[in-house]
Amino acid sequence: MKKELRFSGSGGQGVITAAIIYAEAAVDEGKEAVQSQSYGPEARGGASKAEVILSDYKIYHPHITSPDVVLAMTQKAADKYYADLKENGLLIIDEDLVPNAPNFKNIVKIPITKIAAEQVGAALYSNIVALGAVTRLTDFLSFDAVKKAVENRVPKHTIDANVKALQLGWDAAKVW
C-alpha cells in the first residue's frame, strides 16, 4: 500500500501541523511516512500545502506525483492544489471556505471551520477537525493512532480541546 495525501489551505490554518501529526501517527502504526511542506512568503494568509506519503515499504521518492486525497481548506487552495488529484481520488473541502467547489466526481464537503468555531470554541482547531475527517474518510490510519499523535504534538493545556476537535471531524465525516 502506498498513499499520497495533500493538506492545503492558507498560512495560519494549521495544515502543516495536521500533516505532521498524520505522518507521526503513520510511523507509530509501523508504516513508512514522509512529510513535506511549502508555503508562500506570507506567514499568515498565503497559500500553503503539506504533503504526506504513507507506505508499507521504503519510500525512495519523497515527492507526491498524483495525490490520492486532497484536503482544501480555502478556495485558493482548492483551485490551486486539486488539479493533479488521481481520477478516483478524494477531494475534501471546507464547504464554507470553498464556495465554488471544483468539478470533481469524488468530493466531500464538511463545514470544518464552522464545527471548530461553534463546537470546540475557536476556528484555530479547524486543522484537527479536518484531520479527524481525513482519518475517517480514508481509513489509511486508525483513529487511535491519530489521537495519540495529536496528544503528543499539541500543547498540554489544549489536549482536551484538540481531542474533541478530532472526534468532531471523525463524526462529521460519517455522514458521507
C-alpha atoms as a PDB file:
ATOM      1  CA  MET A   1       0.000   0.000   0.000  1.00  0.00           C
ATOM      2  CA  LYS A   2       1.199   3.471  -0.887  1.00  0.00           C
ATOM      3  CA  LYS A   3      -0.999   6.535  -0.393  1.00  0.00           C
ATOM      4  CA  GLU A   4      -0.323  10.196  -1.093  1.00  0.00           C
ATOM      5  CA  LEU A   5      -2.173  12.991   0.711  1.00  0.00           C
ATOM      6  CA  ARG A   6      -2.067  16.761   0.282  1.00  0.00           C
ATOM      7  CA  PHE A   7      -3.297  19.070   3.044  1.00  0.00           C
ATOM      8  CA  SER A   8      -3.825  22.618   1.740  1.00  0.00           C
ATOM      9  CA  GLY A   9      -5.133  25.960   2.906  1.00  0.00           C
ATOM     10  CA  SER A  10      -3.722  29.305   3.874  1.00  0.00           C
ATOM     11  CA  GLY A  11      -0.926  30.101   6.271  1.00  0.00           C
ATOM     12  CA  GLY A  12      -2.175  30.060   9.840  1.00  0.00           C
ATOM     13  CA  GLN A  13      -4.813  27.354   9.357  1.00  0.00           C
ATOM     14  CA  GLY A  14      -2.515  24.630  10.664  1.00  0.00           C
ATOM     15  CA  VAL A  15      -2.462  22.361   7.609  1.00  0.00           C
ATOM     16  CA  ILE A  16       1.265  21.769   8.084  1.00  0.00           C
ATOM     17  CA  THR A  17       0.732  20.763  11.709  1.00  0.00           C
ATOM     18  CA  ALA A  18      -2.086  18.424  10.659  1.00  0.00           C
ATOM     19  CA  ALA A  19       0.180  16.746   8.101  1.00  0.00           C
ATOM     20  CA  ILE A  20       2.980  16.351  10.634  1.00  0.00           C
ATOM     21  CA  ILE A  21       0.578  14.746  13.108  1.00  0.00           C
ATOM     22  CA  TYR A  22      -0.744  12.422  10.400  1.00  0.00           C
ATOM     23  CA  ALA A  23       2.775  11.334   9.421  1.00  0.00           C
ATOM     24  CA  GLU A  24       3.706  10.759  13.078  1.00  0.00           C
ATOM     25  CA  ALA A  25       0.614   8.564  13.501  1.00  0.00           C
ATOM     26  CA  ALA A  26       1.644   6.539  10.454  1.00  0.00           C
ATOM     27  CA  VAL A  27       5.111   5.917  11.865  1.00  0.00           C
ATOM     28  CA  ASP A  28       3.564   4.932  15.194  1.00  0.00           C
ATOM     29  CA  GLU A  29       1.497   2.331  13.322  1.00  0.00           C
ATOM     30  CA  GLY A  30       4.651   0.900  11.764  1.00  0.00           C
ATOM     31  CA  LYS A  31       4.238   2.449   8.322  1.00  0.00           C
ATOM     32  CA  GLU A  32       6.844   4.315   6.355  1.00  0.00           C
ATOM     33  CA  ALA A  33       5.992   8.014   6.051  1.00  0.00           C
ATOM     34  CA  VAL A  34       7.474  11.178   4.628  1.00  0.00           C
ATOM     35  CA  GLN A  35       6.110  14.667   5.093  1.00  0.00           C
ATOM     36  CA  SER A  36       6.989  17.824   3.166  1.00  0.00           C
ATOM     37  CA  GLN A  37       5.609  21.337   3.137  1.00  0.00           C
ATOM     38  CA  SER A  38       5.605  24.576   1.227  1.00  0.00           C
ATOM     39  CA  TYR A  39       4.010  27.936   1.756  1.00  0.00           C
ATOM     40  CA  GLY A  40       4.006  31.393   0.267  1.00  0.00           C
ATOM     41  CA  PRO A  41       6.196  34.228   1.546  1.00  0.00           C
ATOM     42  CA  GLU A  42       3.424  35.422   3.849  1.00  0.00           C
ATOM     43  CA  ALA A  43       3.463  33.721   7.246  1.00  0.00           C
ATOM     44  CA  ARG A  44      -0.307  34.007   7.506  1.00  0.00           C
ATOM     45  CA  GLY A  45      -2.757  34.232   4.663  1.00  0.00           C
ATOM     46  CA  GLY A  46      -0.505  32.920   1.886  1.00  0.00           C
ATOM     47  CA  ALA A  47      -1.144  29.617   0.179  1.00  0.00           C
ATOM     48  CA  SER A  48       0.281  26.627   1.986  1.00  0.00           C
ATOM     49  CA  LYS A  49       0.356  22.908   1.487  1.00  0.00           C
ATOM     50  CA  ALA A  50       1.793  19.950   3.260  1.00  0.00           C
ATOM     51  CA  GLU A  51       2.085  16.506   1.775  1.00  0.00           C
ATOM     52  CA  VAL A  52       2.313  13.066   3.318  1.00  0.00           C
ATOM     53  CA  ILE A  53       3.229   9.792   1.681  1.00  0.00           C
ATOM     54  CA  LEU A  54       2.341   6.616   3.568  1.00  0.00           C
ATOM     55  CA  SER A  55       3.639   3.228   2.566  1.00  0.00           C
ATOM     56  CA  ASP A  56       4.141  -0.318   3.755  1.00  0.00           C
ATOM     57  CA  TYR A  57       7.585  -0.307   2.123  1.00  0.00           C
ATOM     58  CA  LYS A  58      10.548   2.073   1.750  1.00  0.00           C
ATOM     59  CA  ILE A  59       9.789   5.424   0.154  1.00  0.00           C
ATOM     60  CA  TYR A  60      12.575   6.328  -2.249  1.00  0.00           C
ATOM     61  CA  HIS A  61      10.971   9.357  -3.898  1.00  0.00           C
ATOM     62  CA  PRO A  62       9.630  11.714  -1.224  1.00  0.00           C
ATOM     63  CA  HIS A  63       7.513  13.854  -3.555  1.00  0.00           C
ATOM     64  CA  ILE A  64       3.888  13.408  -4.485  1.00  0.00           C
ATOM     65  CA  THR A  65       3.201  12.876  -8.153  1.00  0.00           C
ATOM     66  CA  SER A  66      -0.569  12.380  -8.038  1.00  0.00           C
ATOM     67  CA  PRO A  67      -2.309  12.508  -4.658  1.00  0.00           C
ATOM     68  CA  ASP A  68      -4.970  10.030  -3.595  1.00  0.00           C
ATOM     69  CA  VAL A  69      -6.510  12.635  -1.278  1.00  0.00           C
ATOM     70  CA  VAL A  70      -6.541  16.427  -1.259  1.00  0.00           C
ATOM     71  CA  LEU A  71      -7.854  18.441   1.670  1.00  0.00           C
ATOM     72  CA  ALA A  72      -8.620  22.044   0.682  1.00  0.00           C
ATOM     73  CA  MET A  73      -9.381  24.490   3.480  1.00  0.00           C
ATOM     74  CA  THR A  74      -9.744  27.598   1.252  1.00  0.00           C
ATOM     75  CA  GLN A  75     -10.986  28.425  -2.228  1.00  0.00           C
ATOM     76  CA  LYS A  76      -7.483  29.350  -3.355  1.00  0.00           C
ATOM     77  CA  ALA A  77      -6.142  26.026  -2.094  1.00  0.00           C
ATOM     78  CA  ALA A  78      -8.915  24.084  -3.832  1.00  0.00           C
ATOM     79  CA  ASP A  79      -8.283  25.887  -7.107  1.00  0.00           C
ATOM     80  CA  LYS A  80      -4.517  25.522  -6.907  1.00  0.00           C
ATOM     81  CA  TYR A  81      -3.898  22.091  -5.437  1.00  0.00           C
ATOM     82  CA  TYR A  82      -6.548  19.644  -6.622  1.00  0.00           C
ATOM     83  CA  ALA A  83      -5.693  19.515 -10.349  1.00  0.00           C
ATOM     84  CA  ASP A  84      -3.302  16.539 -10.167  1.00  0.00           C
ATOM     85  CA  LEU A  85      -5.576  14.500  -7.874  1.00  0.00           C
ATOM     86  CA  LYS A  86      -5.963  10.917  -9.082  1.00  0.00           C
ATOM     87  CA  GLU A  87      -9.084  10.381 -11.154  1.00  0.00           C
ATOM     88  CA  ASN A  88     -10.550   8.111  -8.476  1.00  0.00           C
ATOM     89  CA  GLY A  89      -9.100  10.206  -5.642  1.00  0.00           C
ATOM     90  CA  LEU A  90     -10.948  12.076  -2.918  1.00  0.00           C
ATOM     91  CA  LEU A  91     -11.278  15.846  -2.572  1.00  0.00           C
ATOM     92  CA  ILE A  92     -12.286  17.040   0.911  1.00  0.00           C
ATOM     93  CA  ILE A  93     -13.239  20.701   1.234  1.00  0.00           C
ATOM     94  CA  ASP A  94     -14.313  23.117   3.942  1.00  0.00           C
ATOM     95  CA  GLU A  95     -17.740  23.842   2.469  1.00  0.00           C
ATOM     96  CA  ASP A  96     -17.949  27.356   3.925  1.00  0.00           C
ATOM     97  CA  LEU A  97     -14.495  28.492   2.787  1.00  0.00           C
ATOM     98  CA  VAL A  98     -14.664  26.799  -0.622  1.00  0.00           C
ATOM     99  CA  PRO A  99     -17.984  28.106  -2.002  1.00  0.00           C
ATOM    100  CA  ASN A 100     -17.101  27.207  -5.606  1.00  0.00           C
ATOM    101  CA  ALA A 101     -16.168  23.558  -5.351  1.00  0.00           C
ATOM    102  CA  PRO A 102     -14.122  22.210  -8.232  1.00  0.00           C
ATOM    103  CA  ASN A 103     -15.914  19.928 -10.645  1.00  0.00           C
ATOM    104  CA  PHE A 104     -14.659  16.612  -9.337  1.00  0.00           C
ATOM    105  CA  LYS A 105     -16.575  13.347  -9.003  1.00  0.00           C
ATOM    106  CA  ASN A 106     -15.417  12.309  -5.501  1.00  0.00           C
ATOM    107  CA  ILE A 107     -15.870  15.349  -3.304  1.00  0.00           C
ATOM    108  CA  VAL A 108     -16.824  15.600   0.359  1.00  0.00           C
ATOM    109  CA  LYS A 109     -17.995  18.927   1.749  1.00  0.00           C
ATOM    110  CA  ILE A 110     -17.767  19.447   5.508  1.00  0.00           C
ATOM    111  CA  PRO A 111     -18.180  22.734   7.428  1.00  0.00           C
ATOM    112  CA  ILE A 112     -14.783  22.224   9.052  1.00  0.00           C
ATOM    113  CA  THR A 113     -14.089  25.731  10.345  1.00  0.00           C
ATOM    114  CA  LYS A 114     -17.696  26.201  11.461  1.00  0.00           C
ATOM    115  CA  ILE A 115     -17.511  22.990  13.513  1.00  0.00           C
ATOM    116  CA  ALA A 116     -14.267  24.135  15.134  1.00  0.00           C
ATOM    117  CA  ALA A 117     -15.580  27.600  15.953  1.00  0.00           C
ATOM    118  CA  GLU A 118     -19.034  26.589  17.165  1.00  0.00           C
ATOM    119  CA  GLN A 119     -18.407  23.231  18.837  1.00  0.00           C
ATOM    120  CA  VAL A 120     -14.807  23.486  20.071  1.00  0.00           C
ATOM    121  CA  GLY A 121     -14.798  27.218  20.689  1.00  0.00           C
ATOM    122  CA  ALA A 122     -12.190  28.505  18.224  1.00  0.00           C
ATOM    123  CA  ALA A 123     -11.534  28.291  14.490  1.00  0.00           C
ATOM    124  CA  LEU A 124      -7.891  27.503  15.255  1.00  0.00           C
ATOM    125  CA  TYR A 125      -8.943  23.877  15.870  1.00  0.00           C
ATOM    126  CA  SER A 126     -10.143  23.522  12.270  1.00  0.00           C
ATOM    127  CA  ASN A 127      -6.981  21.671  11.257  1.00  0.00           C
ATOM    128  CA  ILE A 128      -7.683  18.976  13.840  1.00  0.00           C
ATOM    129  CA  VAL A 129     -11.351  18.766  12.831  1.00  0.00           C
ATOM    130  CA  ALA A 130     -10.092  18.260   9.264  1.00  0.00           C
ATOM    131  CA  LEU A 131      -7.648  15.624  10.480  1.00  0.00           C
ATOM    132  CA  GLY A 132     -10.493  13.671  12.072  1.00  0.00           C
ATOM    133  CA  ALA A 133     -12.456  13.806   8.816  1.00  0.00           C
ATOM    134  CA  VAL A 134      -9.454  12.750   6.728  1.00  0.00           C
ATOM    135  CA  THR A 135      -8.788   9.854   9.095  1.00  0.00           C
ATOM    136  CA  ARG A 136     -12.333   8.515   8.807  1.00  0.00           C
ATOM    137  CA  LEU A 137     -12.800   9.118   5.083  1.00  0.00           C
ATOM    138  CA  THR A 138      -9.543   7.471   4.066  1.00  0.00           C
ATOM    139  CA  ASP A 139      -9.234   4.653   6.597  1.00  0.00           C
ATOM    140  CA  PHE A 140      -5.450   4.651   5.988  1.00  0.00           C
ATOM    141  CA  LEU A 141      -4.689   5.027   9.708  1.00  0.00           C
ATOM    142  CA  SER A 142      -6.566   4.173  12.880  1.00  0.00           C
ATOM    143  CA  PHE A 143      -8.357   6.836  14.857  1.00  0.00           C
ATOM    144  CA  ASP A 144      -6.427   5.780  17.967  1.00  0.00           C
ATOM    145  CA  ALA A 145      -3.041   6.288  16.295  1.00  0.00           C
ATOM    146  CA  VAL A 146      -4.030   9.773  15.105  1.00  0.00           C
ATOM    147  CA  LYS A 147      -5.469  10.629  18.526  1.00  0.00           C
ATOM    148  CA  LYS A 148      -2.230   9.564  20.204  1.00  0.00           C
ATOM    149  CA  ALA A 149      -0.209  11.674  17.740  1.00  0.00           C
ATOM    150  CA  VAL A 150      -2.439  14.685  18.440  1.00  0.00           C
ATOM    151  CA  GLU A 151      -1.960  14.245  22.199  1.00  0.00           C
ATOM    152  CA  ASN A 152       1.819  14.037  21.740  1.00  0.00           C
ATOM    153  CA  ARG A 153       2.085  17.069  19.430  1.00  0.00           C
ATOM    154  CA  VAL A 154      -0.252  19.777  20.776  1.00  0.00           C
ATOM    155  CA  PRO A 155       0.391  21.935  23.856  1.00  0.00           C
ATOM    156  CA  LYS A 156      -0.629  20.054  27.017  1.00  0.00           C
ATOM    157  CA  HIS A 157      -3.261  22.593  28.033  1.00  0.00           C
ATOM    158  CA  THR A 158      -5.069  22.121  24.682  1.00  0.00           C
ATOM    159  CA  ILE A 159      -5.171  18.317  24.562  1.00  0.00           C
ATOM    160  CA  ASP A 160      -8.834  18.023  25.568  1.00  0.00           C
ATOM    161  CA  ALA A 161      -9.990  20.613  23.022  1.00  0.00           C
ATOM    162  CA  ASN A 162      -7.886  19.039  20.270  1.00  0.00           C
ATOM    163  CA  VAL A 163      -9.168  15.533  21.004  1.00  0.00           C
ATOM    164  CA  LYS A 164     -12.713  16.925  20.930  1.00  0.00           C
ATOM    165  CA  ALA A 165     -11.961  18.561  17.561  1.00  0.00           C
ATOM    166  CA  LEU A 166     -10.570  15.291  16.204  1.00  0.00           C
ATOM    167  CA  GLN A 167     -13.685  13.408  17.319  1.00  0.00           C
ATOM    168  CA  LEU A 168     -15.987  16.050  15.825  1.00  0.00           C
ATOM    169  CA  GLY A 169     -14.206  15.780  12.468  1.00  0.00           C
ATOM    170  CA  TRP A 170     -14.488  11.991  12.625  1.00  0.00           C
ATOM    171  CA  ASP A 171     -18.198  12.263  13.427  1.00  0.00           C
ATOM    172  CA  ALA A 172     -18.849  14.836  10.682  1.00  0.00           C
ATOM    173  CA  ALA A 173     -17.306  12.524   8.110  1.00  0.00           C
ATOM    174  CA  LYS A 174     -19.681   9.650   8.888  1.00  0.00           C
ATOM    175  CA  VAL A 175     -22.441  11.496   7.062  1.00  0.00           C
ATOM    176  CA  TRP A 176     -20.627  10.779   3.841  1.00  0.00           C
END
